[in-house]
Amino acid sequence: MGGVRRVVSLVPSLTEAVAVTAPDVLVGATDWCSHPAGLEVVRVGGTKNPDTARVAALAPDVVVANEEENRPADLAALRAAGLRVLVTEIRTLPQAFTELARVLDAACGVRRVAWLAQAEAAWRDVTVPHPPVRAVVPVWRRPWMVLGRDTFAGDVLARLGVSHAYAGHAERYPRVPLAELNAVGAELVVLPDEPYAFGADDGPESFPGLPAALVSGRHLTWYGPSLTEAPAVLGAALAAAPRSPGRA
């Protein structure tokens, strides 16, 4: 599909993937699309509230989106305007590689992507620590929300030896009272800096006595060129967290 030359991306991860692979084809992206640095394209609003008329005015050959990041109503509006919308579903690392290859073929006309091959190789080399560390993984506070079932970030952590406590929850991002999070029997709290910007002074104090790993949210939750670095970056952050009492 090498004739495709105009792409709008409604997902920061996919924006970076397209821009790094074929920068000339990207004509529009969301306000939250921060990578690669210095990206100069038309901004079309947020992931949850894109200006669909502005997207249509850019006359893209394809709009790339994600079933979790973007609302069905907005995607339906774009289709009603006659646009081709490619919607990804990414809930595991292997699924990320498959969907990225599909997007880059459709959006850029590129079937062999060097950085994608590097990312796959980087993850093949990961040795999963045993036994896994049981963790709680907040993604928001006020109210507290954590990783639940069937999430990309949860799969990434599992491949790095972290078993999160709510992996079997009925919801993907359940709201859980802080008292319950502290009583669930976790050995570690993993605090990413997005979507909520947890940091050394905002998050660890809520889990007294529990080791805290402050991790890069981009490397934990983005599926794009950051996947080449993610095993090393996340692995280092997890290893830097103090050990729980009783663990080797």
Protein backbone atom coordinates (compact mmCIF):
# COMPACT_ATOMS: atom_id res chain seq x y z
CA MET A 1 0.00 0.00 0.00
CA GLY A 2 2.85 2.34 -0.86
CA GLY A 3 0.45 4.90 -2.37
CA VAL A 4 -0.73 6.02 1.06
CA ARG A 5 0.87 9.36 1.79
CA ARG A 6 -1.33 11.18 4.35
CA VAL A 7 -1.87 9.78 7.85
CA VAL A 8 -3.53 11.14 10.99
CA SER A 9 -2.78 9.39 14.26
CA LEU A 10 -5.05 9.56 17.31
CA VAL A 11 -2.71 7.58 19.59
CA PRO A 12 0.65 8.87 20.94
CA SER A 13 2.31 5.46 20.60
CA LEU A 14 1.21 5.08 16.99
CA THR A 15 2.14 8.67 16.20
CA GLU A 16 5.72 7.98 17.26
CA ALA A 17 5.76 4.69 15.37
CA VAL A 18 4.61 6.31 12.12
CA ALA A 19 6.77 9.42 12.50
CA VAL A 20 9.95 7.44 13.14
CA THR A 21 9.24 5.04 10.27
CA ALA A 22 8.05 7.47 7.59
CA PRO A 23 7.92 11.06 8.89
CA ASP A 24 6.69 12.56 5.64
CA VAL A 25 3.34 10.73 5.72
CA LEU A 26 2.15 12.05 9.10
CA VAL A 27 -0.05 15.15 8.72
CA GLY A 28 -2.00 15.21 11.99
CA ALA A 29 -1.76 14.01 15.58
CA THR A 30 -3.32 14.63 18.98
CA ASP A 31 -2.29 17.26 21.52
CA TRP A 32 -0.87 14.42 23.64
CA CYS A 33 1.48 13.15 20.95
CA SER A 34 4.81 14.23 22.43
CA HIS A 35 7.22 11.95 20.56
CA PRO A 36 9.35 12.15 18.57
CA ALA A 37 10.67 15.45 19.92
CA GLY A 38 10.01 18.44 17.71
CA LEU A 39 7.05 16.84 15.93
CA GLU A 40 5.47 19.47 13.68
CA VAL A 41 2.06 18.39 12.41
CA VAL A 42 -1.47 19.72 12.71
CA ARG A 43 -2.89 19.04 16.17
CA VAL A 44 -6.42 17.68 16.19
CA GLY A 45 -7.39 17.70 19.89
CA GLY A 46 -7.20 14.96 22.49
CA THR A 47 -7.38 11.20 22.19
CA LYS A 48 -10.83 11.22 23.82
CA ASN A 49 -12.12 14.36 22.13
CA PRO A 50 -10.53 14.81 18.71
CA ASP A 51 -11.86 17.52 16.40
CA THR A 52 -13.26 15.17 13.79
CA ALA A 53 -13.95 18.02 11.36
CA ARG A 54 -10.30 19.08 11.53
CA VAL A 55 -9.21 15.49 10.95
CA ALA A 56 -11.48 15.23 7.90
CA ALA A 57 -10.18 18.55 6.55
CA LEU A 58 -6.67 17.09 6.46
CA ALA A 59 -7.94 14.54 3.91
CA PRO A 60 -5.95 11.63 5.31
CA ASP A 61 -5.70 8.35 3.45
CA VAL A 62 -5.94 6.57 6.80
CA VAL A 63 -6.58 7.48 10.44
CA VAL A 64 -4.88 5.19 12.94
CA ALA A 65 -6.59 4.65 16.28
CA ASN A 66 -6.89 2.25 19.21
CA GLU A 67 -9.92 0.61 20.76
CA GLU A 68 -8.88 1.64 24.29
CA GLU A 69 -7.52 5.12 23.63
CA ASN A 70 -10.27 6.38 21.32
CA ARG A 71 -14.04 6.56 21.63
CA PRO A 72 -16.26 4.55 19.26
CA ALA A 73 -18.43 7.61 18.61
CA ASP A 74 -15.48 9.63 17.32
CA LEU A 75 -14.30 6.78 15.11
CA ALA A 76 -17.83 6.36 13.75
CA ALA A 77 -17.95 10.08 12.93
CA LEU A 78 -14.70 9.81 10.99
CA ARG A 79 -16.00 6.84 9.04
CA ALA A 80 -19.22 8.73 8.35
CA ALA A 81 -17.06 11.48 6.83
CA GLY A 82 -15.74 8.91 4.39
CA LEU A 83 -12.38 8.31 6.04
CA ARG A 84 -10.62 4.99 6.40
CA VAL A 85 -10.05 4.28 10.10
CA LEU A 86 -7.63 1.55 11.18
CA VAL A 87 -8.37 0.54 14.78
CA THR A 88 -5.79 -1.42 16.73
CA GLU A 89 -6.26 -3.69 19.75
CA ILE A 90 -3.12 -4.06 21.85
CA ARG A 91 -3.35 -5.91 25.15
CA THR A 92 -0.21 -8.07 25.03
CA LEU A 93 3.34 -7.59 23.80
CA PRO A 94 3.00 -10.08 20.90
CA GLN A 95 -0.21 -8.34 19.88
CA ALA A 96 1.67 -5.01 19.91
CA PHE A 97 4.25 -6.34 17.48
CA THR A 98 1.57 -7.74 15.16
CA GLU A 99 -0.55 -4.59 15.22
CA LEU A 100 2.43 -2.29 14.75
CA ALA A 101 3.44 -4.23 11.67
CA ARG A 102 -0.11 -3.92 10.34
CA VAL A 103 -0.24 -0.16 10.99
CA LEU A 104 3.15 0.53 9.44
CA ASP A 105 2.25 -1.47 6.35
CA ALA A 106 -1.10 0.29 5.95
CA ALA A 107 0.01 3.79 6.91
CA CYS A 108 3.57 3.90 5.60
CA GLY A 109 3.74 1.15 3.01
CA VAL A 110 6.69 -0.33 4.92
CA ARG A 111 6.78 -4.04 5.70
CA ARG A 112 10.31 -4.40 7.10
CA VAL A 113 10.90 -1.93 9.94
CA ALA A 114 14.34 -1.94 11.56
CA TRP A 115 13.31 -0.57 14.95
CA LEU A 116 10.44 -3.06 15.21
CA ALA A 117 12.81 -5.96 14.56
CA GLN A 118 15.15 -4.53 17.20
CA ALA A 119 12.30 -4.33 19.71
CA GLU A 120 11.29 -7.93 19.10
CA ALA A 121 14.91 -9.02 19.56
CA ALA A 122 15.26 -7.02 22.77
CA TRP A 123 12.25 -8.73 24.31
CA ARG A 124 13.35 -12.19 23.14
CA ASP A 125 16.51 -11.72 25.19
CA VAL A 126 14.64 -11.02 28.44
CA THR A 127 15.07 -13.64 31.15
CA VAL A 128 12.03 -13.69 33.44
CA PRO A 129 13.04 -13.62 37.11
CA HIS A 130 11.64 -16.36 39.36
CA PRO A 131 9.71 -16.36 41.53
CA PRO A 132 7.65 -13.38 40.32
CA VAL A 133 7.24 -10.37 42.59
CA ARG A 134 3.65 -9.68 43.62
CA ALA A 135 2.86 -6.00 43.09
CA VAL A 136 0.14 -3.42 43.00
CA VAL A 137 0.34 -1.06 40.03
CA PRO A 138 -1.60 2.19 40.46
CA VAL A 139 -2.29 4.24 37.35
CA TRP A 140 -4.29 7.01 39.07
CA ARG A 141 -5.10 8.44 42.47
CA ARG A 142 -8.10 10.43 43.76
CA PRO A 143 -9.58 7.88 43.25
CA TRP A 144 -7.01 5.12 43.32
CA MET A 145 -7.09 2.99 40.18
CA VAL A 146 -4.81 0.06 39.38
CA LEU A 147 -3.98 -2.31 36.57
CA GLY A 148 -6.58 -5.09 36.38
CA ARG A 149 -7.14 -7.84 33.85
CA ASP A 150 -6.07 -7.96 30.23
CA THR A 151 -3.79 -4.92 29.94
CA PHE A 152 -0.71 -4.30 27.83
CA ALA A 153 1.20 -2.88 30.82
CA GLY A 154 0.31 -5.94 32.88
CA ASP A 155 1.68 -8.24 30.19
CA VAL A 156 4.87 -6.18 29.95
CA LEU A 157 5.41 -6.41 33.72
CA ALA A 158 4.73 -10.15 33.74
CA ARG A 159 7.54 -10.61 31.22
CA LEU A 160 9.83 -8.76 33.63
CA GLY A 161 8.93 -10.92 36.61
CA VAL A 162 6.18 -8.79 38.17
CA SER A 163 2.81 -10.40 38.92
CA HIS A 164 0.29 -7.68 39.66
CA ALA A 165 -2.27 -8.37 42.34
CA TYR A 166 -5.40 -7.49 40.37
CA ALA A 167 -4.62 -9.38 37.16
CA GLY A 168 -7.73 -11.50 37.73
CA HIS A 169 -10.09 -8.63 38.49
CA ALA A 170 -13.29 -8.36 36.46
CA GLU A 171 -12.37 -4.81 35.39
CA ARG A 172 -9.34 -3.72 33.41
CA TYR A 173 -8.68 -0.63 35.55
CA PRO A 174 -10.55 -1.13 38.81
CA ARG A 175 -10.97 1.49 41.50
CA VAL A 176 -9.63 0.06 44.73
CA PRO A 177 -9.55 1.79 48.14
CA LEU A 178 -6.06 2.57 49.37
CA ALA A 179 -6.58 0.50 52.53
CA GLU A 180 -7.28 -2.57 50.38
CA LEU A 181 -4.20 -1.94 48.23
CA ASN A 182 -2.08 -1.89 51.36
CA ALA A 183 -3.68 -5.09 52.68
CA VAL A 184 -3.56 -7.20 49.52
CA GLY A 185 -0.23 -8.79 50.36
CA ALA A 186 1.91 -7.12 47.71
CA GLU A 187 5.70 -7.13 47.93
CA LEU A 188 6.13 -4.07 45.71
CA VAL A 189 4.25 -1.04 44.43
CA VAL A 190 5.03 -0.04 40.85
CA LEU A 191 4.39 3.66 40.19
CA PRO A 192 4.54 4.86 36.55
CA ASP A 193 4.82 8.56 35.73
CA GLU A 194 1.83 8.43 33.38
CA PRO A 195 -1.10 8.65 33.01
CA TYR A 196 -0.83 9.96 36.59
CA ALA A 197 2.54 11.54 37.25
CA PHE A 198 3.64 9.53 40.27
CA GLY A 199 7.02 10.54 41.62
CA ALA A 200 9.30 10.21 44.61
CA ASP A 201 7.20 12.72 46.58
CA ASP A 202 3.80 11.70 45.22
CA GLY A 203 2.83 8.05 45.64
CA PRO A 204 5.32 6.09 47.74
CA GLU A 205 4.17 7.75 50.97
CA SER A 206 0.77 6.11 50.53
CA PHE A 207 2.34 2.64 50.82
CA PRO A 208 4.32 2.75 54.07
CA GLY A 209 6.75 -0.11 54.43
CA LEU A 210 6.26 -1.28 50.83
CA PRO A 211 9.18 -0.95 48.40
CA ALA A 212 8.33 1.40 45.52
CA ALA A 213 9.60 1.19 41.94
CA LEU A 214 9.25 4.47 40.05
CA VAL A 215 9.04 3.58 36.36
CA SER A 216 8.73 5.34 33.03
CA GLY A 217 5.10 5.30 31.95
CA ARG A 218 6.14 5.66 28.32
CA HIS A 219 8.23 2.50 28.49
CA LEU A 220 5.51 0.66 30.39
CA THR A 221 2.43 1.64 28.38
CA TRP A 222 3.55 2.85 24.94
CA TYR A 223 3.78 0.44 22.01
CA GLY A 224 6.21 1.95 19.54
CA PRO A 225 9.94 2.68 19.23
CA SER A 226 10.19 2.89 23.04
CA LEU A 227 9.80 -0.90 23.06
CA THR A 228 13.43 -1.21 21.95
CA GLU A 229 14.56 0.32 25.26
CA ALA A 230 11.75 -0.84 27.52
CA PRO A 231 13.24 -4.13 28.80
CA ALA A 232 16.45 -2.41 29.96
CA VAL A 233 14.80 0.79 31.26
CA LEU A 234 12.01 -0.96 33.16
CA GLY A 235 14.30 -3.75 34.35
CA ALA A 236 16.71 -1.21 35.86
CA ALA A 237 13.91 0.67 37.62
CA LEU A 238 12.46 -2.53 39.07
CA ALA A 239 15.88 -3.72 40.20
CA ALA A 240 16.54 -0.37 41.92
CA ALA A 241 13.52 -0.78 44.22
CA PRO A 242 14.45 -1.97 47.75
CA ARG A 243 13.87 -5.65 48.35
CA SER A 244 10.89 -6.71 50.44
CA PRO A 245 11.75 -8.37 53.76
CA GLY A 246 12.28 -12.08 53.26
CA ARG A 247 13.08 -11.90 49.55
CA ALA A 248 16.49 -12.90 48.29
